[in-house]
């Protein structure tokens, strides 16, 4: 996924917002990695900053970064959807 620019990915995901309902959008906006996943990502980030990732760890870290980028775009779309909803 890292070969696809974020702007293109953002546009590709636009139709997904048609599937949102307020409860679904709220859930997406609140998604977070579990503590074990966050710990692993912190470990990989520290090793990456020190230039000490193995090839397998590098692939794992890049995949995680791609997933985080995707989730961030989906969360931004969910928050925008929620802002556009009429107040009750």
C-alpha atoms as a PDB file:
ATOM      1  CA  UNK A   1       0.000   0.000   0.000  1.00  0.00           C
ATOM      2  CA  UNK A   2       2.898   2.399   0.521  1.00  0.00           C
ATOM      3  CA  UNK A   3       3.222   2.917  -3.229  1.00  0.00           C
ATOM      4  CA  UNK A   4      -0.200   4.618  -3.350  1.00  0.00           C
ATOM      5  CA  UNK A   5      -0.075   8.301  -2.354  1.00  0.00           C
ATOM      6  CA  UNK A   6      -2.238   9.203   0.647  1.00  0.00           C
ATOM      7  CA  UNK A   7      -4.221  11.708  -1.447  1.00  0.00           C
ATOM      8  CA  UNK A   8      -5.191   8.959  -3.900  1.00  0.00           C
ATOM      9  CA  UNK A   9      -6.072   6.591  -1.080  1.00  0.00           C
ATOM     10  CA  UNK A  10      -8.212   9.316   0.475  1.00  0.00           C
ATOM     11  CA  UNK A  11     -10.168   9.714  -2.773  1.00  0.00           C
ATOM     12  CA  UNK A  12     -10.486   5.975  -3.276  1.00  0.00           C
ATOM     13  CA  UNK A  13     -12.033   5.665   0.183  1.00  0.00           C
ATOM     14  CA  UNK A  14     -14.547   8.515  -0.358  1.00  0.00           C
ATOM     15  CA  UNK A  15     -17.392   6.176  -1.412  1.00  0.00           C
ATOM     16  CA  UNK A  16     -17.001   4.315   1.858  1.00  0.00           C
ATOM     17  CA  UNK A  17     -18.597   7.228   3.687  1.00  0.00           C
ATOM     18  CA  UNK A  18     -21.886   6.309   2.005  1.00  0.00           C
ATOM     19  CA  UNK A  19     -21.875   3.191   4.205  1.00  0.00           C
ATOM     20  CA  UNK A  20     -21.492   5.155   7.435  1.00  0.00           C
ATOM     21  CA  UNK A  21     -24.231   5.503   9.981  1.00  0.00           C
ATOM     22  CA  UNK A  22     -23.697   7.646  13.075  1.00  0.00           C
ATOM     23  CA  UNK A  23     -23.007   4.612  15.324  1.00  0.00           C
ATOM     24  CA  UNK A  24     -20.556   3.102  12.807  1.00  0.00           C
ATOM     25  CA  UNK A  25     -18.787   6.425  12.273  1.00  0.00           C
ATOM     26  CA  UNK A  26     -18.461   6.954  16.041  1.00  0.00           C
ATOM     27  CA  UNK A  27     -16.969   3.482  16.445  1.00  0.00           C
ATOM     28  CA  UNK A  28     -14.473   4.027  13.637  1.00  0.00           C
ATOM     29  CA  UNK A  29     -13.492   7.434  15.052  1.00  0.00           C
ATOM     30  CA  UNK A  30     -12.755   5.813  18.413  1.00  0.00           C
ATOM     31  CA  UNK A  31     -10.721   2.830  17.179  1.00  0.00           C
ATOM     32  CA  UNK A  32      -7.342   2.370  18.857  1.00  0.00           C
ATOM     33  CA  UNK A  33      -4.766  -0.363  18.858  1.00  0.00           C
ATOM     34  CA  UNK A  34      -4.783  -2.666  21.846  1.00  0.00           C
ATOM     35  CA  UNK A  35      -1.996  -2.250  24.442  1.00  0.00           C
ATOM     36  CA  UNK A  36       0.007  -5.231  23.151  1.00  0.00           C
ATOM     37  CA  UNK A  37      -0.027  -3.854  19.594  1.00  0.00           C
ATOM     38  CA  UNK A  38       0.920  -0.356  20.783  1.00  0.00           C
ATOM     39  CA  UNK A  39       3.819  -1.836  22.765  1.00  0.00           C
ATOM     40  CA  UNK A  40       5.072  -3.743  19.708  1.00  0.00           C
ATOM     41  CA  UNK A  41       4.819  -0.640  17.514  1.00  0.00           C
ATOM     42  CA  UNK A  42       6.741   1.389  20.101  1.00  0.00           C
ATOM     43  CA  UNK A  43       9.475  -1.277  20.118  1.00  0.00           C
ATOM     44  CA  UNK A  44       9.666  -1.300  16.321  1.00  0.00           C
ATOM     45  CA  UNK A  45       9.698   2.507  16.168  1.00  0.00           C
ATOM     46  CA  UNK A  46      12.569   2.682  18.658  1.00  0.00           C
ATOM     47  CA  UNK A  47      14.569   0.114  16.710  1.00  0.00           C
ATOM     48  CA  UNK A  48      13.786   1.902  13.432  1.00  0.00           C
ATOM     49  CA  UNK A  49      15.029   5.204  14.858  1.00  0.00           C
ATOM     50  CA  UNK A  50      18.260   3.476  15.835  1.00  0.00           C
ATOM     51  CA  UNK A  51      18.607   1.745  12.464  1.00  0.00           C
ATOM     52  CA  UNK A  52      18.433  -1.680  14.118  1.00  0.00           C
ATOM     53  CA  UNK A  53      15.423  -3.341  12.441  1.00  0.00           C
ATOM     54  CA  UNK A  54      15.889  -6.757  10.909  1.00  0.00           C
ATOM     55  CA  UNK A  55      14.434  -7.251   7.427  1.00  0.00           C
ATOM     56  CA  UNK A  56      11.409  -9.003   8.955  1.00  0.00           C
ATOM     57  CA  UNK A  57      10.890  -6.233  11.504  1.00  0.00           C
ATOM     58  CA  UNK A  58      11.239  -3.601   8.791  1.00  0.00           C
ATOM     59  CA  UNK A  59       8.510  -5.291   6.752  1.00  0.00           C
ATOM     60  CA  UNK A  60       6.313  -5.604   9.855  1.00  0.00           C
ATOM     61  CA  UNK A  61       6.859  -1.936  10.743  1.00  0.00           C
ATOM     62  CA  UNK A  62       6.122  -0.711   7.217  1.00  0.00           C
ATOM     63  CA  UNK A  63       2.940  -2.776   7.143  1.00  0.00           C
ATOM     64  CA  UNK A  64       1.890  -1.302  10.483  1.00  0.00           C
ATOM     65  CA  UNK A  65       2.571   2.245   9.267  1.00  0.00           C
ATOM     66  CA  UNK A  66       0.447   1.585   6.175  1.00  0.00           C
ATOM     67  CA  UNK A  67      -2.370   0.267   8.369  1.00  0.00           C
ATOM     68  CA  UNK A  68      -2.117   3.297  10.663  1.00  0.00           C
ATOM     69  CA  UNK A  69      -2.298   5.636   7.644  1.00  0.00           C
ATOM     70  CA  UNK A  70      -5.384   3.838   6.371  1.00  0.00           C
ATOM     71  CA  UNK A  71      -7.039   3.969   9.781  1.00  0.00           C
ATOM     72  CA  UNK A  72      -6.221   7.677  10.143  1.00  0.00           C
ATOM     73  CA  UNK A  73      -7.921   8.432   6.825  1.00  0.00           C
ATOM     74  CA  UNK A  74     -10.975   6.377   7.784  1.00  0.00           C
ATOM     75  CA  UNK A  75     -11.157   8.109  11.160  1.00  0.00           C
ATOM     76  CA  UNK A  76     -10.937  11.542   9.555  1.00  0.00           C
ATOM     77  CA  UNK A  77     -13.758  10.595   7.210  1.00  0.00           C
ATOM     78  CA  UNK A  78     -15.815   9.277  10.131  1.00  0.00           C
ATOM     79  CA  UNK A  79     -15.315  12.503  12.107  1.00  0.00           C
ATOM     80  CA  UNK A  80     -16.244  14.597   9.057  1.00  0.00           C
ATOM     81  CA  UNK A  81     -19.363  12.473   8.582  1.00  0.00           C
ATOM     82  CA  UNK A  82     -20.350  13.009  12.210  1.00  0.00           C
ATOM     83  CA  UNK A  83     -19.844  16.790  11.949  1.00  0.00           C
ATOM     84  CA  UNK A  84     -22.230  16.862   8.977  1.00  0.00           C
ATOM     85  CA  UNK A  85     -25.003  15.080  10.872  1.00  0.00           C
ATOM     86  CA  UNK A  86     -27.897  17.215  12.097  1.00  0.00           C
ATOM     87  CA  UNK A  87     -27.885  17.842  15.839  1.00  0.00           C
ATOM     88  CA  UNK A  88     -30.632  16.197  17.841  1.00  0.00           C
END
